[in-house]
Every structure is written in structure tokens, then in C-alpha cells.
PDB file of N, CA and C in Angstrom:
ATOM      1  N   UNK A   1      -4.613  10.072  51.339  1.00  0.00           N
ATOM      2  CA  UNK A   1      -4.758   9.427  52.604  1.00  0.00           C
ATOM      3  C   UNK A   1      -5.977   9.951  53.343  1.00  0.00           C
ATOM      4  N   UNK A   2      -6.215  11.251  53.325  1.00  0.00           N
ATOM      5  CA  UNK A   2      -7.325  11.844  54.050  1.00  0.00           C
ATOM      6  C   UNK A   2      -8.668  11.413  53.471  1.00  0.00           C
ATOM      7  N   UNK A   3      -8.725  11.072  52.180  1.00  0.00           N
ATOM      8  CA  UNK A   3      -9.975  10.682  51.557  1.00  0.00           C
ATOM      9  C   UNK A   3     -10.478   9.352  52.091  1.00  0.00           C
ATOM     10  N   UNK A   4      -9.589   8.478  52.555  1.00  0.00           N
ATOM     11  CA  UNK A   4      -9.999   7.171  53.045  1.00  0.00           C
ATOM     12  C   UNK A   4     -10.320   7.176  54.533  1.00  0.00           C
ATOM     13  N   UNK A   5     -10.003   8.275  55.223  1.00  0.00           N
ATOM     14  CA  UNK A   5     -10.261   8.357  56.653  1.00  0.00           C
ATOM     15  C   UNK A   5     -11.718   8.745  56.890  1.00  0.00           C
ATOM     16  N   UNK A   6     -12.308   8.265  58.003  1.00  0.00           N
ATOM     17  CA  UNK A   6     -13.643   8.740  58.351  1.00  0.00           C
ATOM     18  C   UNK A   6     -13.614  10.242  58.585  1.00  0.00           C
ATOM     19  N   UNK A   7     -14.757  10.893  58.455  1.00  0.00           N
ATOM     20  CA  UNK A   7     -14.823  12.357  58.562  1.00  0.00           C
ATOM     21  C   UNK A   7     -14.217  12.896  59.851  1.00  0.00           C
ATOM     22  N   UNK A   8     -14.542  12.329  61.042  1.00  0.00           N
ATOM     23  CA  UNK A   8     -13.931  12.884  62.256  1.00  0.00           C
ATOM     24  C   UNK A   8     -12.405  12.758  62.271  1.00  0.00           C
ATOM     25  N   UNK A   9     -11.885  11.638  61.800  1.00  0.00           N
ATOM     26  CA  UNK A   9     -10.437  11.452  61.767  1.00  0.00           C
ATOM     27  C   UNK A   9      -9.782  12.428  60.787  1.00  0.00           C
ATOM     28  N   UNK A  10     -10.432  12.645  59.654  1.00  0.00           N
ATOM     29  CA  UNK A  10      -9.897  13.589  58.671  1.00  0.00           C
ATOM     30  C   UNK A  10      -9.898  15.008  59.234  1.00  0.00           C
ATOM     31  N   UNK A  11     -10.956  15.351  59.964  1.00  0.00           N
ATOM     32  CA  UNK A  11     -11.034  16.682  60.567  1.00  0.00           C
ATOM     33  C   UNK A  11      -9.952  16.847  61.634  1.00  0.00           C
ATOM     34  N   UNK A  12      -9.724  15.807  62.425  1.00  0.00           N
ATOM     35  CA  UNK A  12      -8.668  15.863  63.440  1.00  0.00           C
ATOM     36  C   UNK A  12      -7.306  16.009  62.786  1.00  0.00           C
ATOM     37  N   UNK A  13      -7.090  15.276  61.696  1.00  0.00           N
ATOM     38  CA  UNK A  13      -5.802  15.360  60.993  1.00  0.00           C
ATOM     39  C   UNK A  13      -5.601  16.781  60.455  1.00  0.00           C
ATOM     40  N   UNK A  14      -6.650  17.356  59.891  1.00  0.00           N
ATOM     41  CA  UNK A  14      -6.564  18.719  59.363  1.00  0.00           C
ATOM     42  C   UNK A  14      -6.230  19.708  60.471  1.00  0.00           C
ATOM     43  N   UNK A  15      -6.867  19.555  61.633  1.00  0.00           N
ATOM     44  CA  UNK A  15      -6.585  20.431  62.767  1.00  0.00           C
ATOM     45  C   UNK A  15      -5.153  20.244  63.261  1.00  0.00           C
ATOM     46  N   UNK A  16      -4.700  19.000  63.284  1.00  0.00           N
ATOM     47  CA  UNK A  16      -3.336  18.714  63.721  1.00  0.00           C
ATOM     48  C   UNK A  16      -2.317  19.357  62.781  1.00  0.00           C
ATOM     49  N   UNK A  17      -2.537  19.227  61.489  1.00  0.00           N
ATOM     50  CA  UNK A  17      -1.624  19.815  60.499  1.00  0.00           C
ATOM     51  C   UNK A  17      -1.604  21.332  60.648  1.00  0.00           C
ATOM     52  N   UNK A  18      -2.781  21.932  60.825  1.00  0.00           N
ATOM     53  CA  UNK A  18      -2.859  23.390  60.985  1.00  0.00           C
ATOM     54  C   UNK A  18      -2.092  23.829  62.234  1.00  0.00           C
ATOM     55  N   UNK A  19      -2.326  23.129  63.347  1.00  0.00           N
ATOM     56  CA  UNK A  19      -1.642  23.484  64.599  1.00  0.00           C
ATOM     57  C   UNK A  19      -0.132  23.304  64.473  1.00  0.00           C
ATOM     58  N   UNK A  20       0.297  22.246  63.811  1.00  0.00           N
ATOM     59  CA  UNK A  20       1.732  21.992  63.637  1.00  0.00           C
ATOM     60  C   UNK A  20       2.374  23.081  62.779  1.00  0.00           C
ATOM     61  N   UNK A  21       1.675  23.516  61.738  1.00  0.00           N
ATOM     62  CA  UNK A  21       2.202  24.599  60.892  1.00  0.00           C
ATOM     63  C   UNK A  21       2.282  25.905  61.664  1.00  0.00           C
ATOM     64  N   UNK A  22       1.258  26.188  62.489  1.00  0.00           N
ATOM     65  CA  UNK A  22       1.282  27.400  63.298  1.00  0.00           C
ATOM     66  C   UNK A  22       2.441  27.359  64.299  1.00  0.00           C
ATOM     67  N   UNK A  23       2.667  26.178  64.885  1.00  0.00           N
ATOM     68  CA  UNK A  23       3.782  26.004  65.819  1.00  0.00           C
ATOM     69  C   UNK A  23       5.108  26.266  65.113  1.00  0.00           C
ATOM     70  N   UNK A  24       5.269  25.683  63.931  1.00  0.00           N
ATOM     71  CA  UNK A  24       6.511  25.895  63.183  1.00  0.00           C
ATOM     72  C   UNK A  24       6.668  27.365  62.808  1.00  0.00           C
ATOM     73  N   UNK A  25       5.575  28.018  62.435  1.00  0.00           N
ATOM     74  CA  UNK A  25       5.644  29.436  62.082  1.00  0.00           C
ATOM     75  C   UNK A  25       6.085  30.271  63.279  1.00  0.00           C
ATOM     76  N   UNK A  26       5.586  29.917  64.474  1.00  0.00           N
ATOM     77  CA  UNK A  26       6.002  30.641  65.680  1.00  0.00           C
ATOM     78  C   UNK A  26       7.496  30.452  65.930  1.00  0.00           C
ATOM     79  N   UNK A  27       7.973  29.229  65.746  1.00  0.00           N
ATOM     80  CA  UNK A  27       9.409  28.981  65.910  1.00  0.00           C
ATOM     81  C   UNK A  27      10.223  29.771  64.884  1.00  0.00           C
ATOM     82  N   UNK A  28       9.751  29.769  63.646  1.00  0.00           N
ATOM     83  CA  UNK A  28      10.448  30.511  62.592  1.00  0.00           C
ATOM     84  C   UNK A  28      10.476  32.004  62.914  1.00  0.00           C
ATOM     85  N   UNK A  29       9.358  32.517  63.425  1.00  0.00           N
ATOM     86  CA  UNK A  29       9.297  33.934  63.777  1.00  0.00           C
ATOM     87  C   UNK A  29      10.331  34.267  64.841  1.00  0.00           C
ATOM     88  N   UNK A  30      10.459  33.405  65.839  1.00  0.00           N
ATOM     89  CA  UNK A  30      11.453  33.633  66.887  1.00  0.00           C
ATOM     90  C   UNK A  30      12.872  33.556  66.317  1.00  0.00           C
ATOM     91  N   UNK A  31      13.076  32.698  65.336  1.00  0.00           N
ATOM     92  CA  UNK A  31      14.399  32.592  64.714  1.00  0.00           C
ATOM     93  C   UNK A  31      14.711  33.814  63.857  1.00  0.00           C
ATOM     94  N   UNK A  32      13.679  34.427  63.269  1.00  0.00           N
ATOM     95  CA  UNK A  32      13.890  35.586  62.404  1.00  0.00           C
ATOM     96  C   UNK A  32      14.084  36.887  63.188  1.00  0.00           C
ATOM     97  N   UNK A  33      13.576  36.954  64.410  1.00  0.00           N
ATOM     98  CA  UNK A  33      13.686  38.182  65.201  1.00  0.00           C
ATOM     99  C   UNK A  33      15.127  38.656  65.378  1.00  0.00           C
ATOM    100  N   UNK A  34      16.064  37.780  65.746  1.00  0.00           N
ATOM    101  CA  UNK A  34      17.447  38.260  65.901  1.00  0.00           C
ATOM    102  C   UNK A  34      18.039  38.793  64.595  1.00  0.00           C
ATOM    103  N   UNK A  35      17.624  38.231  63.477  1.00  0.00           N
ATOM    104  CA  UNK A  35      18.120  38.731  62.190  1.00  0.00           C
ATOM    105  C   UNK A  35      17.640  40.158  61.989  1.00  0.00           C
ATOM    106  N   UNK A  36      16.387  40.412  62.346  1.00  0.00           N
ATOM    107  CA  UNK A  36      15.842  41.761  62.215  1.00  0.00           C
ATOM    108  C   UNK A  36      16.563  42.724  63.151  1.00  0.00           C
ATOM    109  N   UNK A  37      16.884  42.268  64.343  1.00  0.00           N
ATOM    110  CA  UNK A  37      17.555  43.120  65.327  1.00  0.00           C
ATOM    111  C   UNK A  37      18.964  43.498  64.871  1.00  0.00           C
ATOM    112  N   UNK A  38      19.615  42.633  64.107  1.00  0.00           N
ATOM    113  CA  UNK A  38      20.989  42.894  63.643  1.00  0.00           C
ATOM    114  C   UNK A  38      21.032  43.786  62.411  1.00  0.00           C
ATOM    115  N   UNK A  39      19.890  43.977  61.747  1.00  0.00           N
ATOM    116  CA  UNK A  39      19.844  44.784  60.535  1.00  0.00           C
ATOM    117  C   UNK A  39      19.926  46.265  60.912  1.00  0.00           C
ATOM    118  N   UNK A  40      20.898  47.002  60.378  1.00  0.00           N
ATOM    119  CA  UNK A  40      21.066  48.418  60.731  1.00  0.00           C
ATOM    120  C   UNK A  40      19.827  49.261  60.441  1.00  0.00           C
ATOM    121  N   UNK A  41      19.098  48.953  59.407  1.00  0.00           N
ATOM    122  CA  UNK A  41      17.894  49.702  59.060  1.00  0.00           C
ATOM    123  C   UNK A  41      16.874  49.603  60.186  1.00  0.00           C
ATOM    124  N   UNK A  42      16.671  48.402  60.722  1.00  0.00           N
ATOM    125  CA  UNK A  42      15.720  48.216  61.806  1.00  0.00           C
ATOM    126  C   UNK A  42      16.250  48.819  63.100  1.00  0.00           C
ATOM    127  N   UNK A  43      17.539  48.742  63.329  1.00  0.00           N
ATOM    128  CA  UNK A  43      18.134  49.282  64.547  1.00  0.00           C
ATOM    129  C   UNK A  43      17.957  50.796  64.604  1.00  0.00           C
ATOM    130  N   UNK A  44      18.110  51.488  63.461  1.00  0.00           N
ATOM    131  CA  UNK A  44      17.922  52.942  63.410  1.00  0.00           C
ATOM    132  C   UNK A  44      16.494  53.306  63.759  1.00  0.00           C
ATOM    133  N   UNK A  45      15.538  52.572  63.215  1.00  0.00           N
ATOM    134  CA  UNK A  45      14.128  52.859  63.481  1.00  0.00           C
ATOM    135  C   UNK A  45      13.816  52.634  64.954  1.00  0.00           C
ATOM    136  N   UNK A  46      14.352  51.591  65.537  1.00  0.00           N
ATOM    137  CA  UNK A  46      14.110  51.298  66.946  1.00  0.00           C
ATOM    138  C   UNK A  46      14.761  52.338  67.848  1.00  0.00           C
ATOM    139  N   UNK A  47      15.920  52.860  67.464  1.00  0.00           N
ATOM    140  CA  UNK A  47      16.665  53.799  68.297  1.00  0.00           C
ATOM    141  C   UNK A  47      16.029  55.184  68.316  1.00  0.00           C
ATOM    142  N   UNK A  48      15.325  55.571  67.263  1.00  0.00           N
ATOM    143  CA  UNK A  48      14.765  56.917  67.202  1.00  0.00           C
ATOM    144  C   UNK A  48      13.648  57.108  68.214  1.00  0.00           C
ATOM    145  N   UNK A  49      12.876  56.055  68.503  1.00  0.00           N
ATOM    146  CA  UNK A  49      11.851  56.113  69.536  1.00  0.00           C
ATOM    147  C   UNK A  49      10.645  56.960  69.204  1.00  0.00           C
ATOM    148  N   UNK A  50      10.528  57.468  67.995  1.00  0.00           N
ATOM    149  CA  UNK A  50       9.362  58.278  67.633  1.00  0.00           C
ATOM    150  C   UNK A  50       8.145  57.385  67.430  1.00  0.00           C
ATOM    151  N   UNK A  51       6.979  58.031  67.409  1.00  0.00           N
ATOM    152  CA  UNK A  51       5.740  57.272  67.201  1.00  0.00           C
ATOM    153  C   UNK A  51       5.766  56.540  65.868  1.00  0.00           C
ATOM    154  N   UNK A  52       6.297  57.190  64.841  1.00  0.00           N
ATOM    155  CA  UNK A  52       6.334  56.538  63.534  1.00  0.00           C
ATOM    156  C   UNK A  52       7.249  55.326  63.550  1.00  0.00           C
ATOM    157  N   UNK A  53       8.330  55.381  64.343  1.00  0.00           N
ATOM    158  CA  UNK A  53       9.225  54.219  64.405  1.00  0.00           C
ATOM    159  C   UNK A  53       8.568  53.090  65.173  1.00  0.00           C
ATOM    160  N   UNK A  54       7.749  53.438  66.190  1.00  0.00           N
ATOM    161  CA  UNK A  54       7.030  52.395  66.921  1.00  0.00           C
ATOM    162  C   UNK A  54       6.012  51.726  66.012  1.00  0.00           C
ATOM    163  N   UNK A  55       5.320  52.533  65.209  1.00  0.00           N
ATOM    164  CA  UNK A  55       4.386  51.969  64.245  1.00  0.00           C
ATOM    165  C   UNK A  55       5.135  51.099  63.241  1.00  0.00           C
ATOM    166  N   UNK A  56       6.303  51.573  62.847  1.00  0.00           N
ATOM    167  CA  UNK A  56       7.123  50.791  61.929  1.00  0.00           C
ATOM    168  C   UNK A  56       7.548  49.478  62.547  1.00  0.00           C
ATOM    169  N   UNK A  57       7.858  49.507  63.843  1.00  0.00           N
ATOM    170  CA  UNK A  57       8.234  48.281  64.544  1.00  0.00           C
ATOM    171  C   UNK A  57       7.099  47.274  64.547  1.00  0.00           C
ATOM    172  N   UNK A  58       5.875  47.764  64.740  1.00  0.00           N
ATOM    173  CA  UNK A  58       4.703  46.883  64.708  1.00  0.00           C
ATOM    174  C   UNK A  58       4.557  46.285  63.310  1.00  0.00           C
ATOM    175  N   UNK A  59       4.703  47.129  62.309  1.00  0.00           N
ATOM    176  CA  UNK A  59       4.597  46.634  60.933  1.00  0.00           C
ATOM    177  C   UNK A  59       5.711  45.645  60.612  1.00  0.00           C
ATOM    178  N   UNK A  60       6.915  45.915  61.115  1.00  0.00           N
ATOM    179  CA  UNK A  60       8.027  44.993  60.898  1.00  0.00           C
ATOM    180  C   UNK A  60       7.748  43.661  61.584  1.00  0.00           C
ATOM    181  N   UNK A  61       7.135  43.731  62.767  1.00  0.00           N
ATOM    182  CA  UNK A  61       6.751  42.507  63.472  1.00  0.00           C
ATOM    183  C   UNK A  61       5.750  41.694  62.668  1.00  0.00           C
ATOM    184  N   UNK A  62       4.778  42.389  62.088  1.00  0.00           N
ATOM    185  CA  UNK A  62       3.811  41.696  61.239  1.00  0.00           C
ATOM    186  C   UNK A  62       4.490  41.113  60.004  1.00  0.00           C
ATOM    187  N   UNK A  63       5.453  41.858  59.478  1.00  0.00           N
ATOM    188  CA  UNK A  63       6.195  41.356  58.326  1.00  0.00           C
ATOM    189  C   UNK A  63       6.987  40.108  58.666  1.00  0.00           C
ATOM    190  N   UNK A  64       7.611  40.108  59.836  1.00  0.00           N
ATOM    191  CA  UNK A  64       8.359  38.936  60.294  1.00  0.00           C
ATOM    192  C   UNK A  64       7.421  37.756  60.470  1.00  0.00           C
ATOM    193  N   UNK A  65       6.241  38.018  61.051  1.00  0.00           N
ATOM    194  CA  UNK A  65       5.252  36.959  61.244  1.00  0.00           C
ATOM    195  C   UNK A  65       4.790  36.405  59.894  1.00  0.00           C
ATOM    196  N   UNK A  66       4.496  37.286  58.951  1.00  0.00           N
ATOM    197  CA  UNK A  66       4.041  36.842  57.636  1.00  0.00           C
ATOM    198  C   UNK A  66       5.119  36.022  56.927  1.00  0.00           C
ATOM    199  N   UNK A  67       6.372  36.457  57.057  1.00  0.00           N
ATOM    200  CA  UNK A  67       7.472  35.726  56.439  1.00  0.00           C
ATOM    201  C   UNK A  67       7.592  34.332  57.055  1.00  0.00           C
ATOM    202  N   UNK A  68       7.499  34.269  58.383  1.00  0.00           N
ATOM    203  CA  UNK A  68       7.602  32.985  59.076  1.00  0.00           C
ATOM    204  C   UNK A  68       6.460  32.053  58.675  1.00  0.00           C
ATOM    205  N   UNK A  69       5.246  32.596  58.581  1.00  0.00           N
ATOM    206  CA  UNK A  69       4.103  31.779  58.172  1.00  0.00           C
ATOM    207  C   UNK A  69       4.273  31.285  56.736  1.00  0.00           C
ATOM    208  N   UNK A  70       4.781  32.150  55.878  1.00  0.00           N
ATOM    209  CA  UNK A  70       5.015  31.753  54.493  1.00  0.00           C
ATOM    210  C   UNK A  70       6.059  30.662  54.371  1.00  0.00           C
ATOM    211  N   UNK A  71       7.130  30.785  55.127  1.00  0.00           N
ATOM    212  CA  UNK A  71       8.180  29.758  55.115  1.00  0.00           C
ATOM    213  C   UNK A  71       7.614  28.435  55.605  1.00  0.00           C
ATOM    214  N   UNK A  72       6.835  28.475  56.682  1.00  0.00           N
ATOM    215  CA  UNK A  72       6.243  27.258  57.234  1.00  0.00           C
ATOM    216  C   UNK A  72       5.254  26.637  56.259  1.00  0.00           C
ATOM    217  N   UNK A  73       4.418  27.462  55.636  1.00  0.00           N
ATOM    218  CA  UNK A  73       3.427  26.952  54.680  1.00  0.00           C
ATOM    219  C   UNK A  73       4.099  26.305  53.477  1.00  0.00           C
ATOM    220  N   UNK A  74       5.281  26.786  53.131  1.00  0.00           N
ATOM    221  CA  UNK A  74       6.014  26.230  52.003  1.00  0.00           C
ATOM    222  C   UNK A  74       6.843  25.007  52.354  1.00  0.00           C
ATOM    223  N   UNK A  75       6.652  24.487  53.539  1.00  0.00           N
ATOM    224  CA  UNK A  75       7.403  23.310  53.952  1.00  0.00           C
ATOM    225  C   UNK A  75       8.356  23.598  55.088  1.00  0.00           C
ATOM    226  N   UNK A  76       8.744  24.857  55.222  1.00  0.00           N
ATOM    227  CA  UNK A  76       9.584  25.281  56.339  1.00  0.00           C
ATOM    228  C   UNK A  76      10.801  24.415  56.543  1.00  0.00           C
ATOM    229  N   UNK A  77      11.057  24.117  57.792  1.00  0.00           N
ATOM    230  CA  UNK A  77      12.203  23.286  58.165  1.00  0.00           C
ATOM    231  C   UNK A  77      11.812  21.817  58.313  1.00  0.00           C
ATOM    232  N   UNK A  78      10.541  21.525  58.112  1.00  0.00           N
ATOM    233  CA  UNK A  78      10.064  20.154  58.263  1.00  0.00           C
ATOM    234  C   UNK A  78       9.611  19.834  59.676  1.00  0.00           C
ATOM    235  N   UNK A  79       9.619  20.837  60.538  1.00  0.00           N
ATOM    236  CA  UNK A  79       9.226  20.620  61.932  1.00  0.00           C
ATOM    237  C   UNK A  79       7.758  20.232  62.011  1.00  0.00           C
ATOM    238  N   UNK A  80       6.910  20.900  61.240  1.00  0.00           N
ATOM    239  CA  UNK A  80       5.470  20.603  61.272  1.00  0.00           C
ATOM    240  C   UNK A  80       5.214  19.147  60.879  1.00  0.00           C
ATOM    241  N   UNK A  81       5.907  18.681  59.858  1.00  0.00           N
ATOM    242  CA  UNK A  81       5.733  17.281  59.433  1.00  0.00           C
ATOM    243  C   UNK A  81       6.153  16.312  60.526  1.00  0.00           C
ATOM    244  N   UNK A  82       7.249  16.629  61.202  1.00  0.00           N
ATOM    245  CA  UNK A  82       7.715  15.771  62.290  1.00  0.00           C
ATOM    246  C   UNK A  82       6.730  15.756  63.453  1.00  0.00           C
ATOM    247  N   UNK A  83       6.169  16.904  63.769  1.00  0.00           N
ATOM    248  CA  UNK A  83       5.184  16.991  64.851  1.00  0.00           C
ATOM    249  C   UNK A  83       3.966  16.151  64.499  1.00  0.00           C
ATOM    250  N   UNK A  84       3.459  16.302  63.274  1.00  0.00           N
ATOM    251  CA  UNK A  84       2.286  15.532  62.840  1.00  0.00           C
ATOM    252  C   UNK A  84       2.582  14.041  62.907  1.00  0.00           C
ATOM    253  N   UNK A  85       3.728  13.631  62.398  1.00  0.00           N
ATOM    254  CA  UNK A  85       4.092  12.217  62.394  1.00  0.00           C
ATOM    255  C   UNK A  85       4.170  11.657  63.820  1.00  0.00           C
ATOM    256  N   UNK A  86       4.805  12.405  64.721  1.00  0.00           N
ATOM    257  CA  UNK A  86       4.961  11.937  66.092  1.00  0.00           C
ATOM    258  C   UNK A  86       3.620  11.848  66.816  1.00  0.00           C
ATOM    259  N   UNK A  87       2.777  12.853  66.662  1.00  0.00           N
ATOM    260  CA  UNK A  87       1.468  12.842  67.319  1.00  0.00           C
ATOM    261  C   UNK A  87       0.617  11.693  66.786  1.00  0.00           C
ATOM    262  N   UNK A  88       0.664  11.470  65.482  1.00  0.00           N
ATOM    263  CA  UNK A  88      -0.112  10.369  64.905  1.00  0.00           C
ATOM    264  C   UNK A  88       0.407   9.015  65.381  1.00  0.00           C
ATOM    265  N   UNK A  89       1.715   8.873  65.514  1.00  0.00           N
ATOM    266  CA  UNK A  89       2.276   7.615  66.045  1.00  0.00           C
ATOM    267  C   UNK A  89       1.816   7.375  67.476  1.00  0.00           C
ATOM    268  N   UNK A  90       1.886   8.419  68.291  1.00  0.00           N
ATOM    269  CA  UNK A  90       1.471   8.281  69.685  1.00  0.00           C
ATOM    270  C   UNK A  90      -0.021   7.975  69.782  1.00  0.00           C
ATOM    271  N   UNK A  91      -0.811   8.610  68.937  1.00  0.00           N
ATOM    272  CA  UNK A  91      -2.250   8.358  68.925  1.00  0.00           C
ATOM    273  C   UNK A  91      -2.532   6.903  68.544  1.00  0.00           C
ATOM    274  N   UNK A  92      -1.845   6.410  67.538  1.00  0.00           N
ATOM    275  CA  UNK A  92      -2.018   5.016  67.114  1.00  0.00           C
ATOM    276  C   UNK A  92      -1.584   4.055  68.211  1.00  0.00           C
ATOM    277  N   UNK A  93      -0.512   4.383  68.905  1.00  0.00           N
ATOM    278  CA  UNK A  93      -0.017   3.533  69.989  1.00  0.00           C
ATOM    279  C   UNK A  93      -1.027   3.459  71.131  1.00  0.00           C
ATOM    280  N   UNK A  94      -1.594   4.600  71.502  1.00  0.00           N
ATOM    281  CA  UNK A  94      -2.603   4.631  72.569  1.00  0.00           C
ATOM    282  C   UNK A  94      -3.844   3.858  72.139  1.00  0.00           C
ATOM    283  N   UNK A  95      -4.263   4.031  70.899  1.00  0.00           N
ATOM    284  CA  UNK A  95      -5.437   3.309  70.405  1.00  0.00           C
ATOM    285  C   UNK A  95      -5.191   1.797  70.413  1.00  0.00           C
ATOM    286  N   UNK A  96      -3.983   1.406  70.053  1.00  0.00           N
ATOM    287  CA  UNK A  96      -3.633  -0.022  70.052  1.00  0.00           C
ATOM    288  C   UNK A  96      -3.649  -0.585  71.466  1.00  0.00           C
ATOM    289  N   UNK A  97      -3.099   0.178  72.424  1.00  0.00           N
ATOM    290  CA  UNK A  97      -3.095  -0.268  73.830  1.00  0.00           C
ATOM    291  C   UNK A  97      -4.523  -0.391  74.366  1.00  0.00           C
ATOM    292  N   UNK A  98      -5.390   0.550  74.026  1.00  0.00           N
ATOM    293  CA  UNK A  98      -6.787   0.498  74.485  1.00  0.00           C
ATOM    294  C   UNK A  98      -7.502  -0.703  73.877  1.00  0.00           C
ATOM    295  N   UNK A  99      -7.227  -0.988  72.621  1.00  0.00           N
ATOM    296  CA  UNK A  99      -7.855  -2.125  71.966  1.00  0.00           C
ATOM    297  C   UNK A  99      -7.382  -3.446  72.600  1.00  0.00           C
ATOM    298  N   UNK A 100      -6.133  -3.490  73.003  1.00  0.00           N
ATOM    299  CA  UNK A 100      -5.589  -4.698  73.626  1.00  0.00           C
ATOM    300  C   UNK A 100      -6.178  -4.926  75.014  1.00  0.00           C
ATOM    301  N   UNK A 101      -6.562  -3.859  75.673  1.00  0.00           N
ATOM    302  CA  UNK A 101      -7.119  -3.976  77.018  1.00  0.00           C
ATOM    303  C   UNK A 101      -8.567  -4.454  77.006  1.00  0.00           C
ATOM    304  N   UNK A 102      -9.248  -4.298  75.907  1.00  0.00           N
ATOM    305  CA  UNK A 102     -10.657  -4.721  75.837  1.00  0.00           C
ATOM    306  C   UNK A 102     -10.832  -6.130  75.381  1.00  0.00           C
TER     307      UNK A 102
END
């Protein structure tokens, strides 16, 4: 589909897909945080309060982010696809209305 689109439209579609995937990854990350909080291993590290546990918390946060991005890149929950579809429908509708007005 992207091969038949003009270059600017293809670039916009690529940006839209990227933004939708990032949005889904952020949602996934927020969904994964409570799971991490319930894990006794993570709770022990958070409770100790030492510098190494704080560093570990940062690394765990990055791990959660990487996991969420990976899930989203692999298709995730389908939220990114729905966002892309809805934005493209709305864009087409606005373009159609503008064309009708001219």
C-alpha cells in the first residue's frame, strides 16, 4: 500500500505508524508497572533503599520499557493498528469534506 502512495503521504503514514506504536508501548509500560510492583524480588530491592537498589530500579524501569516496546513492535494488543486506522479514516473524511466545499 505504501508503495502506491505519493512520497509525502507515505512519509506521513510512516510517522503515524511510529507514533501509534510508541503510544501503545507507553500504554503497555503502564500496564506492566503494577506487575513489577507485585513481584517480591522487585519489592525487596525497592524496600532496601540503597544506592544499588535505586540503580536497579532504574534498570528495571528500562527493562519494563524495553519489554513494552517489544510487545508493541510484535503487534501488541492491536491498539496501534486501531489508532492508525482511525486517524486515517478521519483524515480521509476531512479531505473529502474539503473537496466537496471547493
